[in-house]
Each structure stands twice: as structure tokens, then as C-alpha cells.
Amino acid sequence: MEGRAMMLLALALALALIACSNTSLADAKYYSKTRPYTPMKNKITNLHFYYHDTLSGPNPSSVLVAKPKNTTKPKIAPFGSLYAIDDPLTVGPDPASKSFRF
């Protein structure tokens, strides 16, 4: 008797699964729309920013914060050096040109 009950339960579950899947497929027709693919045109914007480092003088805009331990003082910054910068952004390459204000 137990085998027959298990077979009936399995049949009932299979029928319920089929009924649910058919219903969801039928409902999907009403909620989905297929549209043709239209590629978007790329919009290109070119931005030009100029920033100016002042490494020496009374008001430098770039200051060495950290450097690798085993380096001497070369004329250029060694690999791994960390600088803090406060560089003004300008409209043109000339440092005296109009500055950006954010």
C-alpha cells in the first residue's frame, strides 16, 4: 500500500509542476516584449586639464611625503616615492591662465 501511495504522490507532484510551468509560460507572453537591437552611437567628449607642479620656491605645490628606505637623494624621484600635491587646474598650458573652480 505504501508503494501505491508514493506513486500517487509523485504523480500529483509531477502534474502540479507541469501545471505551474505551463501557466508561467503562458503569462510570459503578456509581460515580455522583444525589440530589435539598435546599437547606440558613441558620444565622445574630449576634456583637457592642465595641472602645474611647483617643486621648489616659497610655495611648492608638491611635497615628498614618503620614499623607499634604501635610496639616496637622487635628482629625480625614486620609484615608490609618495608625494602630496595641491596642483591648480588651468584652462590652458600656461600656469597664468584661468583656473578651474569646483
Protein backbone atom coordinates (compact mmCIF):
# COMPACT_ATOMS: atom_id res chain seq x y z
CA MET A 1 0.00 0.00 0.00
CA GLU A 2 2.87 2.36 0.76
CA GLY A 3 4.30 1.96 -2.74
CA ARG A 4 0.95 2.87 -4.29
CA ALA A 5 0.63 5.98 -2.10
CA MET A 6 4.15 7.09 -3.06
CA MET A 7 3.33 6.62 -6.75
CA LEU A 8 0.17 8.72 -6.40
CA LEU A 9 2.08 11.43 -4.53
CA ALA A 10 4.82 11.50 -7.19
CA LEU A 11 2.19 11.70 -9.95
CA ALA A 12 0.39 14.54 -8.16
CA LEU A 13 3.64 16.49 -7.74
CA ALA A 14 4.56 15.96 -11.40
CA LEU A 15 1.14 17.17 -12.55
CA ALA A 16 1.38 20.23 -10.28
CA LEU A 17 4.83 21.03 -11.64
CA ILE A 18 3.62 20.74 -15.23
CA ALA A 19 0.59 22.93 -14.49
CA CYS A 20 2.73 25.63 -12.86
CA SER A 21 5.29 25.67 -15.63
CA ASN A 22 2.63 25.93 -18.34
CA THR A 23 0.93 28.79 -16.51
CA SER A 24 4.17 30.75 -16.13
CA LEU A 25 4.98 30.27 -19.82
CA ALA A 26 1.53 31.47 -20.80
CA ASP A 27 1.82 34.55 -18.60
CA ALA A 28 5.25 35.40 -20.00
CA LYS A 29 3.72 36.30 -23.37
CA TYR A 30 1.90 39.22 -21.82
CA TYR A 31 4.82 40.67 -19.89
CA SER A 32 7.74 40.46 -22.30
CA LYS A 33 8.35 42.35 -25.49
CA THR A 34 11.09 41.62 -27.99
CA ARG A 35 12.52 44.69 -29.61
CA PRO A 36 15.05 44.75 -32.41
CA TYR A 37 18.61 45.54 -31.38
CA THR A 38 19.63 49.09 -32.18
CA PRO A 39 23.27 49.88 -31.39
CA MET A 40 23.87 53.12 -29.53
CA LYS A 41 26.00 55.78 -31.14
CA ASN A 42 29.06 56.64 -29.09
CA LYS A 43 29.19 60.20 -27.85
CA ILE A 44 32.77 61.39 -27.45
CA THR A 45 33.73 64.20 -25.12
CA ASN A 46 37.31 65.43 -25.01
CA LEU A 47 38.34 67.09 -21.76
CA HIS A 48 41.67 68.85 -21.40
CA PHE A 49 43.02 69.63 -17.95
CA TYR A 50 46.36 71.17 -17.20
CA TYR A 51 47.91 70.94 -13.76
CA HIS A 52 51.13 72.56 -12.72
CA ASP A 53 53.65 71.23 -10.19
CA THR A 54 55.78 73.74 -8.34
CA LEU A 55 58.57 71.66 -6.83
CA SER A 56 60.66 74.43 -5.29
CA GLY A 57 60.40 78.02 -4.20
CA PRO A 58 58.45 79.64 -1.39
CA ASN A 59 55.12 77.90 -2.17
CA PRO A 60 55.67 74.41 -3.62
CA SER A 61 52.55 72.53 -4.72
CA SER A 62 54.20 69.11 -4.49
CA VAL A 63 55.89 67.82 -1.32
CA LEU A 64 57.68 64.50 -0.76
CA VAL A 65 55.81 62.57 1.95
CA ALA A 66 57.46 59.13 1.86
CA LYS A 67 60.17 57.35 -0.09
CA PRO A 68 61.72 53.88 -0.13
CA LYS A 69 64.11 53.22 2.75
CA ASN A 70 67.29 52.26 0.88
CA THR A 71 67.56 55.17 -1.52
CA THR A 72 69.85 58.13 -1.57
CA LYS A 73 68.86 61.60 -2.70
CA PRO A 74 68.81 61.33 -6.50
CA LYS A 75 67.94 64.26 -8.70
CA ILE A 76 64.76 62.52 -9.79
CA ALA A 77 62.13 60.89 -7.59
CA PRO A 78 62.94 57.24 -6.89
CA PHE A 79 60.40 54.54 -7.70
CA GLY A 80 57.91 54.19 -4.86
CA SER A 81 58.05 57.80 -3.69
CA LEU A 82 54.82 59.32 -2.39
CA TYR A 83 54.06 62.98 -2.95
CA ALA A 84 51.24 65.15 -1.64
CA ILE A 85 50.08 67.56 -4.32
CA ASP A 86 47.87 70.61 -4.40
CA ASP A 87 48.13 71.49 -8.07
CA PRO A 88 45.95 74.16 -9.64
CA LEU A 89 43.96 73.05 -12.71
CA THR A 90 44.01 75.59 -15.51
CA VAL A 91 42.24 76.07 -18.82
CA GLY A 92 45.46 76.25 -20.83
CA PRO A 93 49.03 75.03 -20.59
CA ASP A 94 50.22 78.41 -19.30
CA PRO A 95 50.32 78.48 -15.45
CA ALA A 96 48.95 82.03 -15.53
CA SER A 97 45.81 81.02 -17.49
CA LYS A 98 42.35 80.94 -15.93
CA SER A 99 41.96 78.36 -13.12
CA PHE A 100 39.08 75.89 -12.72
CA ARG A 101 36.90 76.39 -9.68
CA PHE A 102 34.87 73.40 -8.46
